[in-house]
Amino acid sequence: MSRPALSADCSACAALCCLALALDRGESFAIDKPAGTPCPNLAGHACAIHADLATKGFPGCTRYSCHGAGQRVVQEVFAGRSWQDDPALTGPMIAAFGDMRAVQSRLELLVAAEALPLAKGDAARRDALERALWPGALDTARLDGFATSPLSREIDTFVASLRRYVPAP
């Protein structure tokens, strides 16, 4: 088992960001779109205006990254299945995407902590917490409601404790 990617691989996703996220008309998005509604620019699992997002009023899409949450949901949790092929998966995939975004956010913090000069015990704890978020260790039960789970709180507390390793400005 290895560390999951922290960058999006849209080819391994099912356009979950284009479905799950709300868009608010303004300087970042040309339209209002409620969460849970597919973007009208979606064509299959791809954006029909991807090459022209910024010029068509969607620069927010060019700046967004799920940090790998989308592909993890599709590939790990739903074994490659898509809400577009099975509409009954829509709600569960949206929920899993939100939870996986919280996982990837914590994973990103733990990976960044590798650059700190951690004491041996803190380095071992960081490693263990990171591995708890890897594929295989993070089962569906642990994913559900992750943002408020004991593991999430433990990671948040641990990361906050690392302030002592960051030099004062």
Protein backbone atom coordinates (compact mmCIF):
# COMPACT_ATOMS: atom_id res chain seq x y z
CA MET A 1 0.00 0.00 0.00
CA SER A 2 1.22 3.50 -0.73
CA ARG A 3 0.33 7.09 -0.02
CA PRO A 4 -2.58 8.28 -2.15
CA ALA A 5 -2.02 11.15 -4.55
CA LEU A 6 -2.74 14.64 -3.29
CA SER A 7 -3.40 15.96 -6.78
CA ALA A 8 -6.55 15.49 -8.81
CA ASP A 9 -6.68 12.88 -11.55
CA CYS A 10 -9.88 13.81 -13.34
CA SER A 11 -9.53 10.82 -15.68
CA ALA A 12 -10.06 8.49 -12.70
CA CYS A 13 -13.02 10.46 -11.32
CA ALA A 14 -16.68 10.79 -12.27
CA ALA A 15 -16.83 14.60 -12.31
CA LEU A 16 -17.80 14.67 -8.63
CA CYS A 17 -16.82 18.32 -8.19
CA CYS A 18 -19.08 19.23 -11.13
CA LEU A 19 -21.95 17.49 -9.36
CA ALA A 20 -21.41 17.91 -5.64
CA LEU A 21 -20.30 21.51 -5.32
CA ALA A 22 -22.49 24.61 -5.46
CA LEU A 23 -21.56 27.49 -7.75
CA ASP A 24 -22.45 31.08 -6.94
CA ARG A 25 -22.71 33.51 -9.85
CA GLY A 26 -20.01 36.15 -9.58
CA GLU A 27 -16.46 36.74 -10.66
CA SER A 28 -15.54 33.05 -10.21
CA PHE A 29 -18.60 31.43 -11.81
CA ALA A 30 -20.93 32.58 -14.58
CA ILE A 31 -23.93 30.74 -13.13
CA ASP A 32 -25.67 29.73 -9.93
CA LYS A 33 -25.75 25.96 -9.48
CA PRO A 34 -26.99 24.23 -6.35
CA ALA A 35 -24.92 21.46 -4.78
CA GLY A 36 -26.02 18.05 -6.00
CA THR A 37 -27.01 19.31 -9.45
CA PRO A 38 -24.76 18.47 -12.40
CA CYS A 39 -23.06 21.46 -14.00
CA PRO A 40 -24.73 22.28 -17.33
CA ASN A 41 -21.26 22.28 -18.93
CA LEU A 42 -20.74 18.63 -18.03
CA ALA A 43 -20.54 16.24 -20.97
CA GLY A 44 -20.23 12.72 -19.64
CA HIS A 45 -17.38 12.74 -17.15
CA ALA A 46 -15.71 15.78 -18.67
CA CYS A 47 -16.23 19.51 -18.98
CA ALA A 48 -17.44 20.56 -22.43
CA ILE A 49 -15.81 24.00 -22.04
CA HIS A 50 -12.65 22.94 -20.16
CA ALA A 51 -10.26 24.64 -22.59
CA ASP A 52 -12.22 27.90 -22.26
CA LEU A 53 -13.27 27.91 -18.60
CA ALA A 54 -11.76 31.27 -17.73
CA THR A 55 -12.97 33.06 -20.84
CA LYS A 56 -16.49 31.63 -20.46
CA GLY A 57 -16.78 32.91 -16.88
CA PHE A 58 -15.58 29.93 -14.84
CA PRO A 59 -12.12 30.84 -13.53
CA GLY A 60 -13.12 29.32 -10.18
CA CYS A 61 -13.10 25.91 -11.84
CA THR A 62 -9.52 26.40 -13.01
CA ARG A 63 -8.43 27.23 -9.45
CA TYR A 64 -10.25 24.35 -7.73
CA SER A 65 -8.58 21.10 -6.76
CA CYS A 66 -10.12 18.26 -4.80
CA HIS A 67 -6.55 17.14 -3.96
CA GLY A 68 -7.34 13.62 -5.12
CA ALA A 69 -10.62 13.15 -3.26
CA GLY A 70 -12.64 12.54 -6.41
CA GLN A 71 -10.57 9.70 -7.77
CA ARG A 72 -10.32 8.08 -4.34
CA VAL A 73 -14.11 8.07 -3.99
CA VAL A 74 -14.67 6.64 -7.45
CA GLN A 75 -11.84 4.10 -7.42
CA GLU A 76 -11.56 3.06 -3.75
CA VAL A 77 -15.05 3.50 -2.37
CA PHE A 78 -17.18 2.76 -5.44
CA ALA A 79 -14.81 0.44 -7.36
CA GLY A 80 -14.91 2.57 -10.52
CA ARG A 81 -18.68 2.96 -10.63
CA SER A 82 -20.28 6.32 -11.43
CA TRP A 83 -23.41 8.22 -10.45
CA GLN A 84 -23.90 8.80 -14.17
CA ASP A 85 -24.18 5.08 -14.85
CA ASP A 86 -26.21 4.34 -11.71
CA PRO A 87 -28.24 7.34 -10.49
CA ALA A 88 -28.82 5.57 -7.13
CA LEU A 89 -25.14 6.27 -6.37
CA THR A 90 -25.59 10.05 -6.63
CA GLY A 91 -26.33 10.76 -2.96
CA PRO A 92 -23.81 8.28 -1.55
CA MET A 93 -21.06 9.55 -3.88
CA ILE A 94 -21.74 13.19 -2.96
CA ALA A 95 -21.53 12.30 0.74
CA ALA A 96 -18.36 10.26 0.26
CA PHE A 97 -16.80 13.10 -1.76
CA GLY A 98 -17.37 15.55 1.10
CA ASP A 99 -15.89 13.11 3.59
CA MET A 100 -12.92 12.30 1.34
CA ARG A 101 -12.17 16.00 0.87
CA ALA A 102 -11.78 16.18 4.68
CA VAL A 103 -9.50 13.11 4.58
CA GLN A 104 -7.31 14.57 1.84
CA SER A 105 -7.10 17.88 3.71
CA ARG A 106 -5.77 16.08 6.82
CA LEU A 107 -3.46 13.96 4.70
CA GLU A 108 -2.04 17.10 3.09
CA LEU A 109 -1.23 18.53 6.54
CA LEU A 110 0.47 15.31 7.66
CA VAL A 111 2.54 15.15 4.48
CA ALA A 112 3.61 18.77 4.96
CA ALA A 113 4.70 17.90 8.50
CA GLU A 114 7.37 15.61 7.02
CA ALA A 115 9.41 18.75 6.34
CA LEU A 116 9.55 19.63 10.04
CA PRO A 117 12.43 18.45 12.24
CA LEU A 118 10.14 16.18 14.32
CA ALA A 119 11.34 14.28 17.35
CA LYS A 120 11.38 10.52 16.83
CA GLY A 121 8.10 9.95 18.71
CA ASP A 122 6.29 12.71 16.83
CA ALA A 123 7.62 11.44 13.52
CA ALA A 124 6.35 7.94 14.31
CA ARG A 125 2.95 9.30 15.32
CA ARG A 126 2.78 11.39 12.14
CA ASP A 127 3.58 8.29 10.08
CA ALA A 128 0.92 6.22 11.84
CA LEU A 129 -1.74 8.90 11.45
CA GLU A 130 -0.88 9.30 7.78
CA ARG A 131 -1.07 5.55 7.12
CA ALA A 132 -4.52 5.49 8.75
CA LEU A 133 -5.69 7.60 5.79
CA TRP A 134 -4.26 5.37 3.08
CA PRO A 135 -6.31 3.06 0.88
CA GLY A 136 -7.14 -0.15 2.69
CA ALA A 137 -6.77 1.42 6.13
CA LEU A 138 -9.58 3.89 5.53
CA ASP A 139 -12.68 1.75 5.09
CA THR A 140 -16.16 3.04 4.29
CA ALA A 141 -17.21 3.04 7.95
CA ARG A 142 -14.24 5.25 8.91
CA LEU A 143 -14.90 7.54 5.94
CA ASP A 144 -18.53 8.27 6.84
CA GLY A 145 -18.61 11.52 8.80
CA PHE A 146 -14.83 11.72 8.82
CA ALA A 147 -14.61 15.49 9.47
CA THR A 148 -16.10 15.04 12.95
CA SER A 149 -14.67 11.59 13.68
CA PRO A 150 -12.29 10.75 16.53
CA LEU A 151 -9.50 10.12 13.99
CA SER A 152 -10.01 13.53 12.40
CA ARG A 153 -9.96 15.22 15.82
CA GLU A 154 -6.82 13.28 16.75
CA ILE A 155 -5.08 14.45 13.57
CA ASP A 156 -6.18 18.06 14.15
CA THR A 157 -4.88 17.97 17.72
CA PHE A 158 -1.60 16.41 16.62
CA VAL A 159 -1.08 18.93 13.82
CA ALA A 160 -1.79 21.81 16.20
CA SER A 161 0.83 20.39 18.59
CA LEU A 162 3.46 20.70 15.87
CA ARG A 163 3.57 24.49 16.25
CA ARG A 164 6.52 24.04 18.55
CA TYR A 165 8.58 22.86 15.55
CA VAL A 166 7.82 25.95 13.48
CA PRO A 167 10.28 28.80 14.04
CA ALA A 168 8.79 32.12 15.11
CA PRO A 169 8.85 34.79 12.40
